[in-house]
Amino acid sequence: MDAGLLAWGRRVKQRGRGKIPPLWFFTDAARLPDPLPVIAALPRGLCGVVFRHDAAPNRKALGRQIASLCRVRRLALVVAGDARLAACLHAGLHLRAGRRGVQKLPPLVTSSAHNPAELLRGRRAGAKLLFISPVYVTKSHGGAPVLGAAGWRRLARLAAQTAGQTSSAALGGISGRGMRALGPDCAAAGAMEAFFPAL
């Protein structure tokens, strides 16, 4: 795991910026079909998992394994885009671009946000954490335009002005080296490669 990112996460946790973990591992079925070994190595009480694996044929069974492991290791868990599976796993829900799609939400809701409209939609949907992305160049979305540190800070400031209880997180090409440039508005960071460099 990226030592600089881990140190950043510990500092954020010590500052006591809420109960939401400062570090989040995003699963990806194409690049890491079996995320269980990575999840088993995540630092206890410091991390959360965003379970994607949308097209995986064994998604529900894998979700159960991940949920069990997260409970044992005291890791937060949110399921991307599937409120029914989130309820089945007693997990939180990760909204895509703030799209709610259901009436009843679990206590923990996160959302992706790539622009001001998605950011505001995520806030209105009840997200406690907005993953503003992509901050830097990332293998997950090769060639996609990036916000850069300045663009991320602009969206985070907008979230802070309008969001109330919503915090801003960074996603996309995240490493310990780039966190300082995001400033104090960054309450959390999501990544893949930083947790498993072989990806």
N, C-alpha and C. Protein backbone atom coordinates (compact mmCIF):
# COMPACT_ATOMS: atom_id res chain seq x y z
N MET A 1 0.84 -1.19 0.00
CA MET A 1 0.00 0.00 0.00
C MET A 1 0.88 1.25 0.00
N ASP A 2 0.39 2.30 -0.63
CA ASP A 2 1.11 3.57 -0.70
C ASP A 2 1.29 4.14 0.72
N ALA A 3 2.54 4.18 1.18
CA ALA A 3 2.83 4.61 2.55
C ALA A 3 2.44 6.06 2.79
N GLY A 4 2.62 6.91 1.79
CA GLY A 4 2.25 8.32 1.95
C GLY A 4 0.75 8.50 2.10
N LEU A 5 -0.03 7.73 1.35
CA LEU A 5 -1.48 7.82 1.45
C LEU A 5 -1.96 7.28 2.80
N LEU A 6 -1.33 6.21 3.25
CA LEU A 6 -1.68 5.65 4.56
C LEU A 6 -1.40 6.67 5.67
N ALA A 7 -0.26 7.35 5.60
CA ALA A 7 0.07 8.36 6.60
C ALA A 7 -0.93 9.52 6.55
N TRP A 8 -1.31 9.93 5.34
CA TRP A 8 -2.31 10.99 5.19
C TRP A 8 -3.63 10.56 5.84
N GLY A 9 -4.06 9.33 5.57
CA GLY A 9 -5.31 8.83 6.13
C GLY A 9 -5.29 8.82 7.64
N ARG A 10 -4.17 8.44 8.22
CA ARG A 10 -4.05 8.42 9.68
C ARG A 10 -4.14 9.82 10.27
N ARG A 11 -3.54 10.79 9.57
CA ARG A 11 -3.62 12.17 10.05
C ARG A 11 -5.06 12.69 10.01
N VAL A 12 -5.76 12.39 8.94
CA VAL A 12 -7.16 12.82 8.82
C VAL A 12 -7.99 12.17 9.92
N LYS A 13 -7.76 10.89 10.16
CA LYS A 13 -8.51 10.17 11.20
C LYS A 13 -8.25 10.79 12.57
N GLN A 14 -7.00 11.15 12.84
CA GLN A 14 -6.65 11.75 14.14
C GLN A 14 -7.31 13.11 14.33
N ARG A 15 -7.52 13.82 13.23
CA ARG A 15 -8.18 15.12 13.34
C ARG A 15 -9.66 14.98 13.66
N GLY A 16 -10.17 13.75 13.60
CA GLY A 16 -11.54 13.48 13.98
C GLY A 16 -12.57 14.14 13.11
N ARG A 17 -12.41 14.05 11.79
CA ARG A 17 -13.34 14.71 10.87
C ARG A 17 -14.55 13.82 10.59
N GLY A 18 -15.14 13.29 11.63
CA GLY A 18 -16.34 12.47 11.46
C GLY A 18 -16.04 10.99 11.51
N LYS A 19 -17.10 10.21 11.37
CA LYS A 19 -16.98 8.76 11.48
C LYS A 19 -16.73 8.08 10.15
N ILE A 20 -16.75 8.82 9.06
CA ILE A 20 -16.53 8.21 7.75
C ILE A 20 -15.04 7.94 7.57
N PRO A 21 -14.67 6.73 7.13
CA PRO A 21 -13.25 6.43 6.95
C PRO A 21 -12.57 7.36 5.96
N PRO A 22 -11.30 7.67 6.17
CA PRO A 22 -10.60 8.56 5.24
C PRO A 22 -10.06 7.88 3.99
N LEU A 23 -9.96 6.54 3.99
CA LEU A 23 -9.40 5.82 2.85
C LEU A 23 -10.42 4.80 2.33
N TRP A 24 -10.60 4.76 1.00
CA TRP A 24 -11.59 3.89 0.39
C TRP A 24 -10.98 3.11 -0.77
N PHE A 25 -11.18 1.80 -0.75
CA PHE A 25 -10.73 0.92 -1.83
C PHE A 25 -11.90 0.65 -2.76
N PHE A 26 -11.72 0.96 -4.05
CA PHE A 26 -12.75 0.71 -5.07
C PHE A 26 -12.45 -0.61 -5.77
N THR A 27 -13.39 -1.55 -5.75
CA THR A 27 -13.16 -2.82 -6.44
C THR A 27 -13.40 -2.64 -7.94
N ASP A 28 -12.80 -3.53 -8.72
CA ASP A 28 -12.92 -3.47 -10.17
C ASP A 28 -12.82 -4.90 -10.70
N ALA A 29 -13.92 -5.42 -11.26
CA ALA A 29 -13.96 -6.82 -11.68
C ALA A 29 -12.97 -7.13 -12.79
N ALA A 30 -12.76 -6.18 -13.70
CA ALA A 30 -11.86 -6.43 -14.83
C ALA A 30 -10.40 -6.47 -14.40
N ARG A 31 -10.02 -5.59 -13.51
CA ARG A 31 -8.61 -5.48 -13.15
C ARG A 31 -8.24 -6.29 -11.93
N LEU A 32 -9.22 -6.59 -11.09
CA LEU A 32 -8.95 -7.39 -9.89
C LEU A 32 -10.18 -8.24 -9.60
N PRO A 33 -10.34 -9.36 -10.32
CA PRO A 33 -11.55 -10.18 -10.14
C PRO A 33 -11.79 -10.62 -8.70
N ASP A 34 -10.71 -10.93 -7.99
CA ASP A 34 -10.86 -11.34 -6.59
C ASP A 34 -10.27 -10.27 -5.68
N PRO A 35 -11.11 -9.38 -5.14
CA PRO A 35 -10.59 -8.30 -4.29
C PRO A 35 -10.39 -8.71 -2.83
N LEU A 36 -10.75 -9.94 -2.47
CA LEU A 36 -10.70 -10.35 -1.07
C LEU A 36 -9.31 -10.23 -0.44
N PRO A 37 -8.22 -10.64 -1.12
CA PRO A 37 -6.90 -10.49 -0.49
C PRO A 37 -6.53 -9.04 -0.19
N VAL A 38 -6.90 -8.12 -1.09
CA VAL A 38 -6.61 -6.71 -0.85
C VAL A 38 -7.43 -6.21 0.33
N ILE A 39 -8.72 -6.55 0.37
CA ILE A 39 -9.59 -6.11 1.46
C ILE A 39 -9.09 -6.67 2.80
N ALA A 40 -8.61 -7.90 2.79
CA ALA A 40 -8.10 -8.52 4.03
C ALA A 40 -6.86 -7.81 4.55
N ALA A 41 -6.16 -7.09 3.68
CA ALA A 41 -4.93 -6.40 4.09
C ALA A 41 -5.16 -4.93 4.42
N LEU A 42 -6.39 -4.42 4.23
CA LEU A 42 -6.65 -3.01 4.53
C LEU A 42 -6.54 -2.74 6.03
N PRO A 43 -6.00 -1.59 6.42
CA PRO A 43 -5.87 -1.26 7.85
C PRO A 43 -7.23 -1.19 8.53
N ARG A 44 -7.35 -1.86 9.65
CA ARG A 44 -8.60 -1.91 10.41
C ARG A 44 -9.04 -0.51 10.85
N GLY A 45 -10.34 -0.26 10.70
CA GLY A 45 -10.92 0.97 11.20
C GLY A 45 -10.54 2.24 10.47
N LEU A 46 -9.72 2.12 9.42
CA LEU A 46 -9.24 3.30 8.70
C LEU A 46 -9.80 3.37 7.28
N CYS A 47 -10.37 2.27 6.83
CA CYS A 47 -10.74 2.16 5.42
C CYS A 47 -12.21 1.78 5.22
N GLY A 48 -12.65 2.06 4.02
CA GLY A 48 -13.94 1.61 3.53
C GLY A 48 -13.75 0.94 2.19
N VAL A 49 -14.77 0.22 1.75
CA VAL A 49 -14.73 -0.48 0.46
C VAL A 49 -15.95 -0.06 -0.35
N VAL A 50 -15.71 0.31 -1.60
CA VAL A 50 -16.80 0.57 -2.55
C VAL A 50 -16.86 -0.65 -3.46
N PHE A 51 -17.89 -1.47 -3.28
CA PHE A 51 -18.04 -2.71 -4.02
C PHE A 51 -18.74 -2.45 -5.34
N ARG A 52 -17.98 -2.57 -6.44
CA ARG A 52 -18.55 -2.36 -7.76
C ARG A 52 -18.81 -3.75 -8.39
N HIS A 53 -17.87 -4.31 -9.10
CA HIS A 53 -18.04 -5.65 -9.70
C HIS A 53 -19.42 -5.82 -10.33
N ASP A 54 -19.86 -4.81 -11.09
CA ASP A 54 -21.22 -4.79 -11.61
C ASP A 54 -21.60 -6.00 -12.44
N ALA A 55 -20.73 -6.39 -13.35
CA ALA A 55 -21.08 -7.46 -14.28
C ALA A 55 -20.59 -8.84 -13.83
N ALA A 56 -20.03 -8.94 -12.66
CA ALA A 56 -19.52 -10.22 -12.19
C ALA A 56 -20.67 -11.21 -12.01
N PRO A 57 -20.55 -12.42 -12.56
CA PRO A 57 -21.64 -13.38 -12.45
C PRO A 57 -21.92 -13.82 -11.01
N ASN A 58 -20.91 -13.72 -10.17
CA ASN A 58 -21.04 -14.14 -8.77
C ASN A 58 -21.13 -12.95 -7.82
N ARG A 59 -21.70 -11.86 -8.32
CA ARG A 59 -21.65 -10.60 -7.56
C ARG A 59 -22.27 -10.73 -6.16
N LYS A 60 -23.42 -11.38 -6.07
CA LYS A 60 -24.10 -11.48 -4.78
C LYS A 60 -23.29 -12.33 -3.81
N ALA A 61 -22.77 -13.46 -4.26
CA ALA A 61 -21.98 -14.34 -3.39
C ALA A 61 -20.69 -13.64 -2.97
N LEU A 62 -20.04 -12.96 -3.91
CA LEU A 62 -18.82 -12.22 -3.58
C LEU A 62 -19.14 -11.09 -2.61
N GLY A 63 -20.28 -10.43 -2.84
CA GLY A 63 -20.69 -9.37 -1.93
C GLY A 63 -20.86 -9.87 -0.50
N ARG A 64 -21.42 -11.06 -0.35
CA ARG A 64 -21.58 -11.63 1.00
C ARG A 64 -20.22 -11.88 1.65
N GLN A 65 -19.28 -12.39 0.88
CA GLN A 65 -17.93 -12.63 1.42
C GLN A 65 -17.28 -11.31 1.83
N ILE A 66 -17.42 -10.31 0.99
CA ILE A 66 -16.82 -9.00 1.28
C ILE A 66 -17.47 -8.38 2.52
N ALA A 67 -18.79 -8.47 2.61
CA ALA A 67 -19.50 -7.90 3.76
C ALA A 67 -19.05 -8.57 5.05
N SER A 68 -18.90 -9.88 5.02
CA SER A 68 -18.44 -10.61 6.21
C SER A 68 -17.04 -10.18 6.60
N LEU A 69 -16.15 -10.08 5.61
CA LEU A 69 -14.77 -9.67 5.87
C LEU A 69 -14.73 -8.23 6.40
N CYS A 70 -15.55 -7.35 5.84
CA CYS A 70 -15.57 -5.96 6.30
C CYS A 70 -16.04 -5.87 7.75
N ARG A 71 -17.01 -6.68 8.13
CA ARG A 71 -17.47 -6.67 9.52
C ARG A 71 -16.35 -7.09 10.46
N VAL A 72 -15.66 -8.16 10.10
CA VAL A 72 -14.57 -8.67 10.95
C VAL A 72 -13.45 -7.64 11.08
N ARG A 73 -13.14 -6.96 10.00
CA ARG A 73 -12.01 -6.03 10.00
C ARG A 73 -12.40 -4.59 10.31
N ARG A 74 -13.67 -4.36 10.64
CA ARG A 74 -14.17 -3.03 10.97
C ARG A 74 -13.92 -2.04 9.82
N LEU A 75 -14.35 -2.46 8.64
CA LEU A 75 -14.25 -1.63 7.44
C LEU A 75 -15.66 -1.24 6.99
N ALA A 76 -15.84 0.00 6.60
CA ALA A 76 -17.13 0.41 6.06
C ALA A 76 -17.31 -0.21 4.68
N LEU A 77 -18.56 -0.45 4.30
CA LEU A 77 -18.85 -1.04 2.99
C LEU A 77 -20.03 -0.32 2.36
N VAL A 78 -19.86 0.10 1.10
CA VAL A 78 -20.97 0.63 0.31
C VAL A 78 -21.01 -0.14 -1.00
N VAL A 79 -22.21 -0.39 -1.49
CA VAL A 79 -22.42 -1.11 -2.75
C VAL A 79 -22.77 -0.09 -3.82
N ALA A 80 -22.08 -0.16 -4.94
CA ALA A 80 -22.29 0.81 -6.01
C ALA A 80 -23.53 0.50 -6.82
N GLY A 81 -24.47 1.46 -6.84
CA GLY A 81 -25.59 1.43 -7.76
C GLY A 81 -26.63 0.34 -7.58
N ASP A 82 -26.66 -0.35 -6.46
CA ASP A 82 -27.60 -1.46 -6.28
C ASP A 82 -28.14 -1.43 -4.85
N ALA A 83 -29.25 -0.70 -4.68
CA ALA A 83 -29.82 -0.55 -3.34
C ALA A 83 -30.31 -1.87 -2.77
N ARG A 84 -30.82 -2.74 -3.62
CA ARG A 84 -31.31 -4.04 -3.15
C ARG A 84 -30.17 -4.89 -2.58
N LEU A 85 -29.06 -4.95 -3.30
CA LEU A 85 -27.91 -5.72 -2.80
C LEU A 85 -27.34 -5.06 -1.55
N ALA A 86 -27.30 -3.74 -1.51
CA ALA A 86 -26.82 -3.03 -0.32
C ALA A 86 -27.65 -3.42 0.90
N ALA A 87 -28.97 -3.46 0.74
CA ALA A 87 -29.85 -3.83 1.85
C ALA A 87 -29.62 -5.28 2.26
N CYS A 88 -29.45 -6.15 1.28
CA CYS A 88 -29.20 -7.57 1.55
C CYS A 88 -27.92 -7.77 2.35
N LEU A 89 -26.92 -6.94 2.05
CA LEU A 89 -25.61 -7.08 2.73
C LEU A 89 -25.51 -6.21 3.99
N HIS A 90 -26.59 -5.48 4.31
CA HIS A 90 -26.57 -4.54 5.44
C HIS A 90 -25.42 -3.55 5.28
N ALA A 91 -25.30 -3.04 4.05
CA ALA A 91 -24.20 -2.14 3.69
C ALA A 91 -24.76 -0.78 3.31
N GLY A 92 -23.87 0.17 3.11
CA GLY A 92 -24.25 1.47 2.60
C GLY A 92 -24.42 1.42 1.09
N LEU A 93 -24.76 2.56 0.51
CA LEU A 93 -25.03 2.63 -0.93
C LEU A 93 -24.16 3.73 -1.55
N HIS A 94 -23.53 3.40 -2.68
CA HIS A 94 -22.75 4.37 -3.45
C HIS A 94 -23.55 4.73 -4.70
N LEU A 95 -23.94 6.01 -4.79
CA LEU A 95 -24.72 6.49 -5.93
C LEU A 95 -23.80 6.88 -7.07
N ARG A 96 -24.26 6.62 -8.27
CA ARG A 96 -23.48 7.03 -9.43
C ARG A 96 -23.98 8.40 -9.89
N ALA A 97 -23.10 9.37 -9.83
CA ALA A 97 -23.42 10.75 -10.24
C ALA A 97 -24.64 11.30 -9.50
N GLY A 98 -24.83 10.83 -8.26
CA GLY A 98 -25.91 11.35 -7.43
C GLY A 98 -27.28 10.80 -7.76
N ARG A 99 -27.37 9.81 -8.66
CA ARG A 99 -28.67 9.26 -9.04
C ARG A 99 -29.17 8.33 -7.95
N ARG A 100 -30.24 8.74 -7.33
CA ARG A 100 -30.77 8.03 -6.17
C ARG A 100 -31.52 6.76 -6.56
N GLY A 101 -32.61 6.90 -7.28
CA GLY A 101 -33.34 5.74 -7.80
C GLY A 101 -34.19 4.97 -6.80
N VAL A 102 -34.05 5.23 -5.52
CA VAL A 102 -34.83 4.54 -4.50
C VAL A 102 -35.31 5.56 -3.47
N GLN A 103 -36.38 5.21 -2.77
CA GLN A 103 -36.92 6.11 -1.74
C GLN A 103 -36.15 5.99 -0.43
N LYS A 104 -35.97 4.75 0.03
CA LYS A 104 -35.35 4.54 1.33
C LYS A 104 -33.85 4.30 1.16
N LEU A 105 -33.07 5.11 1.86
CA LEU A 105 -31.61 5.00 1.77
C LEU A 105 -31.05 4.46 3.08
N PRO A 106 -29.92 3.74 3.00
CA PRO A 106 -29.26 3.29 4.23
C PRO A 106 -28.60 4.47 4.95
N PRO A 107 -28.13 4.26 6.18
CA PRO A 107 -27.50 5.37 6.92
C PRO A 107 -26.26 5.95 6.23
N LEU A 108 -25.49 5.09 5.54
CA LEU A 108 -24.28 5.58 4.88
C LEU A 108 -24.50 5.61 3.37
N VAL A 109 -24.42 6.81 2.80
CA VAL A 109 -24.57 6.99 1.35
C VAL A 109 -23.39 7.81 0.85
N THR A 110 -22.74 7.32 -0.20
CA THR A 110 -21.68 8.06 -0.87
C THR A 110 -22.11 8.25 -2.33
N SER A 111 -21.40 9.12 -3.04
CA SER A 111 -21.75 9.35 -4.43
C SER A 111 -20.52 9.81 -5.21
N SER A 112 -20.52 9.50 -6.50
CA SER A 112 -19.51 10.07 -7.39
C SER A 112 -19.98 11.44 -7.86
N ALA A 113 -19.04 12.29 -8.22
CA ALA A 113 -19.36 13.62 -8.75
C ALA A 113 -18.22 14.06 -9.67
N HIS A 114 -18.58 14.38 -10.91
CA HIS A 114 -17.56 14.79 -11.89
C HIS A 114 -17.70 16.25 -12.30
N ASN A 115 -18.79 16.88 -11.85
CA ASN A 115 -19.05 18.27 -12.22
C ASN A 115 -20.02 18.87 -11.20
N PRO A 116 -20.26 20.18 -11.28
CA PRO A 116 -21.15 20.81 -10.28
C PRO A 116 -22.56 20.21 -10.23
N ALA A 117 -23.13 19.87 -11.39
CA ALA A 117 -24.49 19.32 -11.41
C ALA A 117 -24.56 17.99 -10.66
N GLU A 118 -23.58 17.12 -10.89
CA GLU A 118 -23.57 15.82 -10.22
C GLU A 118 -23.31 15.99 -8.72
N LEU A 119 -22.46 16.95 -8.40
CA LEU A 119 -22.16 17.23 -7.00
C LEU A 119 -23.44 17.65 -6.26
N LEU A 120 -24.19 18.55 -6.84
CA LEU A 120 -25.42 19.02 -6.19
C LEU A 120 -26.47 17.93 -6.14
N ARG A 121 -26.53 17.10 -7.18
CA ARG A 121 -27.48 16.00 -7.18
C ARG A 121 -27.14 14.99 -6.08
N GLY A 122 -25.85 14.71 -5.91
CA GLY A 122 -25.43 13.80 -4.85
C GLY A 122 -25.76 14.33 -3.47
N ARG A 123 -25.56 15.63 -3.28
CA ARG A 123 -25.89 16.23 -2.00
C ARG A 123 -27.39 16.13 -1.73
N ARG A 124 -28.18 16.47 -2.74
CA ARG A 124 -29.64 16.40 -2.57
C ARG A 124 -30.13 14.98 -2.32
N ALA A 125 -29.40 14.01 -2.84
CA ALA A 125 -29.78 12.61 -2.65
C ALA A 125 -29.41 12.09 -1.27
N GLY A 126 -28.67 12.89 -0.51
CA GLY A 126 -28.33 12.48 0.86
C GLY A 126 -26.95 11.88 1.05
N ALA A 127 -26.07 12.05 0.06
CA ALA A 127 -24.71 11.50 0.20
C ALA A 127 -23.96 12.21 1.32
N LYS A 128 -23.31 11.42 2.15
CA LYS A 128 -22.47 11.97 3.22
C LYS A 128 -21.04 12.22 2.73
N LEU A 129 -20.67 11.54 1.64
CA LEU A 129 -19.32 11.69 1.10
C LEU A 129 -19.42 11.72 -0.42
N LEU A 130 -18.84 12.76 -1.04
CA LEU A 130 -18.84 12.91 -2.49
C LEU A 130 -17.45 12.65 -3.03
N PHE A 131 -17.31 11.63 -3.86
CA PHE A 131 -16.03 11.33 -4.50
C PHE A 131 -15.91 12.16 -5.76
N ILE A 132 -15.21 13.27 -5.66
CA ILE A 132 -15.02 14.19 -6.79
C ILE A 132 -13.87 13.65 -7.64
N SER A 133 -14.15 13.42 -8.93
CA SER A 133 -13.15 12.76 -9.77
C SER A 133 -13.34 13.09 -11.26
N PRO A 134 -12.33 12.70 -12.09
CA PRO A 134 -11.01 12.19 -11.70
C PRO A 134 -10.05 13.35 -11.41
N VAL A 135 -9.35 13.23 -10.30
CA VAL A 135 -8.43 14.30 -9.92
C VAL A 135 -7.20 14.27 -10.82
N TYR A 136 -6.58 13.10 -10.92
CA TYR A 136 -5.36 12.94 -11.71
C TYR A 136 -5.58 11.85 -12.76
N VAL A 137 -4.61 11.67 -13.63
CA VAL A 137 -4.67 10.62 -14.65
C VAL A 137 -4.79 9.27 -13.96
N THR A 138 -5.70 8.45 -14.46
CA THR A 138 -5.94 7.15 -13.84
C THR A 138 -6.06 6.06 -14.90
N LYS A 139 -5.61 4.86 -14.55
CA LYS A 139 -5.71 3.72 -15.47
C LYS A 139 -7.15 3.30 -15.70
N SER A 140 -8.01 3.56 -14.71
CA SER A 140 -9.41 3.15 -14.83
C SER A 140 -10.13 3.87 -15.95
N HIS A 141 -9.76 5.12 -16.20
CA HIS A 141 -10.40 5.91 -17.26
C HIS A 141 -9.32 6.58 -18.10
N GLY A 142 -8.55 5.76 -18.76
CA GLY A 142 -7.44 6.26 -19.56
C GLY A 142 -7.89 7.26 -20.61
N GLY A 143 -7.21 8.39 -20.69
CA GLY A 143 -7.53 9.41 -21.68
C GLY A 143 -8.63 10.37 -21.28
N ALA A 144 -9.30 10.10 -20.16
CA ALA A 144 -10.37 11.01 -19.72
C ALA A 144 -9.78 12.32 -19.22
N PRO A 145 -10.47 13.45 -19.44
CA PRO A 145 -9.96 14.72 -18.91
C PRO A 145 -9.96 14.70 -17.39
N VAL A 146 -8.96 15.32 -16.81
CA VAL A 146 -8.84 15.32 -15.35
C VAL A 146 -9.09 16.72 -14.79
N LEU A 147 -9.48 16.77 -13.53
CA LEU A 147 -9.72 18.04 -12.86
C LEU A 147 -8.44 18.73 -12.46
N GLY A 148 -7.43 17.94 -12.07
CA GLY A 148 -6.23 18.51 -11.48
C GLY A 148 -6.55 18.97 -10.07
N ALA A 149 -5.53 19.30 -9.31
CA ALA A 149 -5.74 19.72 -7.92
C ALA A 149 -6.60 20.98 -7.84
N ALA A 150 -6.36 21.94 -8.73
CA ALA A 150 -7.12 23.20 -8.68
C ALA A 150 -8.59 22.96 -9.00
N GLY A 151 -8.88 22.13 -10.00
CA GLY A 151 -10.26 21.83 -10.34
C GLY A 151 -10.96 21.08 -9.22
N TRP A 152 -10.24 20.16 -8.59
CA TRP A 152 -10.84 19.44 -7.46
C TRP A 152 -11.17 20.41 -6.33
N ARG A 153 -10.25 21.32 -6.03
CA ARG A 153 -10.49 22.28 -4.94
C ARG A 153 -11.69 23.17 -5.24
N ARG A 154 -11.88 23.56 -6.50
CA ARG A 154 -13.04 24.39 -6.87
C ARG A 154 -14.35 23.65 -6.58
N LEU A 155 -14.42 22.39 -6.99
CA LEU A 155 -15.64 21.62 -6.73
C LEU A 155 -15.83 21.35 -5.24
N ALA A 156 -14.74 21.11 -4.53
CA ALA A 156 -14.84 20.88 -3.08
C ALA A 156 -15.34 22.13 -2.36
N ARG A 157 -14.90 23.30 -2.84
CA ARG A 157 -15.39 24.56 -2.23
C ARG A 157 -16.88 24.72 -2.48
N LEU A 158 -17.33 24.36 -3.67
CA LEU A 158 -18.75 24.42 -3.98
C LEU A 158 -19.53 23.47 -3.07
N ALA A 159 -18.99 22.28 -2.86
CA ALA A 159 -19.65 21.31 -1.97
C ALA A 159 -19.72 21.86 -0.56
N ALA A 160 -18.66 22.50 -0.10
CA ALA A 160 -18.63 23.04 1.26
C ALA A 160 -19.65 24.17 1.43
N GLN A 161 -19.90 24.93 0.37
CA GLN A 161 -20.85 26.05 0.45
C GLN A 161 -22.30 25.57 0.50
N THR A 162 -22.56 24.41 -0.09
CA THR A 162 -23.94 23.99 -0.27
C THR A 162 -24.31 22.68 0.42
N ALA A 163 -23.33 21.97 0.94
CA ALA A 163 -23.59 20.57 1.27
C ALA A 163 -24.01 20.28 2.70
N GLY A 164 -23.81 21.16 3.63
CA GLY A 164 -24.18 20.84 5.01
C GLY A 164 -23.32 19.74 5.59
N GLN A 165 -23.90 18.56 5.72
CA GLN A 165 -23.19 17.43 6.34
C GLN A 165 -22.40 16.60 5.34
N THR A 166 -22.29 17.04 4.10
CA THR A 166 -21.57 16.28 3.08
C THR A 166 -20.10 16.68 3.06
N SER A 167 -19.23 15.65 2.98
CA SER A 167 -17.79 15.89 2.89
C SER A 167 -17.30 15.54 1.49
N SER A 168 -16.14 16.08 1.12
CA SER A 168 -15.57 15.84 -0.20
C SER A 168 -14.41 14.87 -0.12
N ALA A 169 -14.37 13.97 -1.10
CA ALA A 169 -13.29 12.99 -1.21
C ALA A 169 -12.66 13.09 -2.59
N ALA A 170 -11.43 12.65 -2.70
CA ALA A 170 -10.71 12.67 -3.98
C ALA A 170 -10.66 11.26 -4.55
N LEU A 171 -10.81 11.16 -5.86
CA LEU A 171 -10.75 9.87 -6.54
C LEU A 171 -10.13 10.08 -7.92
N GLY A 172 -9.30 9.13 -8.33
CA GLY A 172 -8.70 9.19 -9.66
C GLY A 172 -7.22 9.49 -9.61
N GLY A 173 -6.39 8.46 -9.81
CA GLY A 173 -4.95 8.64 -9.81
C GLY A 173 -4.39 9.04 -8.46
N ILE A 174 -5.04 8.64 -7.39
CA ILE A 174 -4.68 9.08 -6.05
C ILE A 174 -3.44 8.35 -5.52
N SER A 175 -2.54 9.13 -4.94
CA SER A 175 -1.38 8.60 -4.22
C SER A 175 -1.06 9.57 -3.09
N GLY A 176 -0.22 9.14 -2.17
CA GLY A 176 0.16 10.01 -1.07
C GLY A 176 0.82 11.29 -1.54
N ARG A 177 1.53 11.21 -2.65
CA ARG A 177 2.27 12.35 -3.17
C ARG A 177 1.35 13.51 -3.59
N GLY A 178 0.15 13.19 -4.07
CA GLY A 178 -0.72 14.24 -4.58
C GLY A 178 -1.73 14.78 -3.59
N MET A 179 -1.77 14.24 -2.37
CA MET A 179 -2.81 14.64 -1.43
C MET A 179 -2.62 16.05 -0.87
N ARG A 180 -1.41 16.46 -0.64
CA ARG A 180 -1.17 17.78 -0.04
C ARG A 180 -1.75 18.90 -0.89
N ALA A 181 -1.68 18.74 -2.21
CA ALA A 181 -2.16 19.79 -3.12
C ALA A 181 -3.67 19.97 -3.05
N LEU A 182 -4.39 19.02 -2.47
CA LEU A 182 -5.85 19.11 -2.41
C LEU A 182 -6.34 19.95 -1.24
N GLY A 183 -5.48 20.17 -0.26
CA GLY A 183 -5.82 21.07 0.83
C GLY A 183 -6.71 20.47 1.90
N PRO A 184 -7.14 21.29 2.85
CA PRO A 184 -7.87 20.81 4.04
C PRO A 184 -9.31 20.41 3.78
N ASP A 185 -9.87 20.75 2.61
CA ASP A 185 -11.25 20.35 2.32
C ASP A 185 -11.37 18.88 1.97
N CYS A 186 -10.25 18.21 1.76
CA CYS A 186 -10.28 16.80 1.38
C CYS A 186 -10.41 15.93 2.63
N ALA A 187 -11.58 15.30 2.80
CA ALA A 187 -11.86 14.50 3.99
C ALA A 187 -11.57 13.03 3.78
N ALA A 188 -11.42 12.59 2.52
CA ALA A 188 -11.20 11.17 2.24
C ALA A 188 -10.63 11.02 0.84
N ALA A 189 -10.12 9.83 0.56
CA ALA A 189 -9.56 9.54 -0.75
C ALA A 189 -9.92 8.11 -1.15
N GLY A 190 -10.27 7.94 -2.42
CA GLY A 190 -10.56 6.61 -2.95
C GLY A 190 -9.52 6.24 -3.98
N ALA A 191 -9.20 4.95 -4.06
CA ALA A 191 -8.14 4.52 -4.97
C ALA A 191 -8.24 3.02 -5.23
N MET A 192 -7.49 2.58 -6.23
CA MET A 192 -7.25 1.16 -6.46
C MET A 192 -5.76 0.88 -6.37
N GLU A 193 -5.00 1.48 -7.30
CA GLU A 193 -3.57 1.18 -7.38
C GLU A 193 -2.83 1.47 -6.09
N ALA A 194 -3.26 2.50 -5.36
CA ALA A 194 -2.56 2.86 -4.12
C ALA A 194 -2.65 1.75 -3.08
N PHE A 195 -3.70 0.94 -3.17
CA PHE A 195 -3.85 -0.17 -2.23
C PHE A 195 -3.20 -1.44 -2.74
N PHE A 196 -3.08 -1.53 -4.05
CA PHE A 196 -2.54 -2.75 -4.66
C PHE A 196 -1.71 -2.35 -5.86
N PRO A 197 -0.43 -1.99 -5.67
CA PRO A 197 0.40 -1.41 -6.73
C PRO A 197 0.54 -2.28 -7.98
N ALA A 198 0.30 -3.60 -7.86
CA ALA A 198 0.46 -4.47 -9.02
C ALA A 198 -0.64 -4.28 -10.06
N LEU A 199 -1.70 -3.56 -9.73
CA LEU A 199 -2.80 -3.37 -10.67
C LEU A 199 -2.34 -2.61 -11.91
